């Protein structure tokens, strides 16, 4: 008797993201990080703003690589 789990039957196939999808996600991430950094700065939370700025730079690097 073969036992199949629900997870194995319902698992979606893993696909590679296209370059366009990767760029769109990086742009979305960069926009979100910039907005959050601005929000944190407006509230005086410099440490959190710095963390978001670092994430923003990483997202911008991804945009540059996928061009």
Protein backbone atom coordinates (compact mmCIF):
# COMPACT_ATOMS: atom_id res chain seq x y z
CA UNK A 1 0.00 0.00 0.00
CA UNK A 2 1.38 3.41 -0.99
CA UNK A 3 0.85 6.31 1.38
CA UNK A 4 0.89 9.82 -0.01
CA UNK A 5 0.78 12.82 2.24
CA UNK A 6 -1.40 15.80 1.57
CA UNK A 7 1.64 18.06 1.35
CA UNK A 8 3.22 16.04 -1.44
CA UNK A 9 0.01 16.00 -3.46
CA UNK A 10 -0.66 19.71 -3.05
CA UNK A 11 2.85 21.05 -3.41
CA UNK A 12 3.18 23.47 -6.29
CA UNK A 13 6.05 22.86 -8.65
CA UNK A 14 9.09 24.99 -7.92
CA UNK A 15 9.81 27.37 -10.77
CA UNK A 16 12.65 29.75 -11.44
CA UNK A 17 11.67 33.41 -11.33
CA UNK A 18 12.15 35.19 -14.61
CA UNK A 19 14.42 38.19 -14.81
CA UNK A 20 11.42 40.48 -15.14
CA UNK A 21 9.81 38.98 -12.02
CA UNK A 22 13.06 39.34 -10.09
CA UNK A 23 13.35 43.00 -11.13
CA UNK A 24 9.72 43.68 -10.19
CA UNK A 25 10.21 42.11 -6.76
CA UNK A 26 13.46 44.03 -6.17
CA UNK A 27 11.73 47.28 -7.14
CA UNK A 28 8.84 46.53 -4.81
CA UNK A 29 11.27 45.70 -2.01
CA UNK A 30 13.28 48.89 -2.60
CA UNK A 31 10.13 51.02 -2.54
CA UNK A 32 8.93 49.39 0.65
CA UNK A 33 12.31 49.74 2.36
CA UNK A 34 12.58 53.42 1.40
CA UNK A 35 9.08 54.12 2.72
CA UNK A 36 9.76 52.34 5.98
CA UNK A 37 13.12 54.10 6.44
CA UNK A 38 11.38 57.45 5.97
CA UNK A 39 8.69 56.49 8.47
CA UNK A 40 11.24 55.40 11.06
CA UNK A 41 13.21 58.62 10.59
CA UNK A 42 10.08 60.73 11.02
CA UNK A 43 9.45 58.96 14.32
CA UNK A 44 13.06 59.45 15.45
CA UNK A 45 13.99 55.76 15.32
CA UNK A 46 17.40 56.12 13.70
CA UNK A 47 18.51 52.53 14.34
CA UNK A 48 15.51 51.07 12.53
CA UNK A 49 15.88 53.61 9.71
CA UNK A 50 19.50 52.55 9.29
CA UNK A 51 18.53 48.87 9.08
CA UNK A 52 15.93 49.66 6.42
CA UNK A 53 18.44 51.80 4.52
CA UNK A 54 20.83 48.83 4.41
CA UNK A 55 18.02 46.63 3.08
CA UNK A 56 17.22 49.33 0.53
CA UNK A 57 20.81 49.31 -0.71
CA UNK A 58 20.72 45.53 -1.08
CA UNK A 59 17.50 45.74 -3.09
CA UNK A 60 19.04 48.41 -5.32
CA UNK A 61 22.06 46.16 -5.88
CA UNK A 62 19.71 43.41 -7.05
CA UNK A 63 18.09 45.85 -9.47
CA UNK A 64 21.51 46.77 -10.83
CA UNK A 65 22.54 43.13 -11.28
CA UNK A 66 19.36 42.13 -13.12
CA UNK A 67 19.57 44.89 -15.73
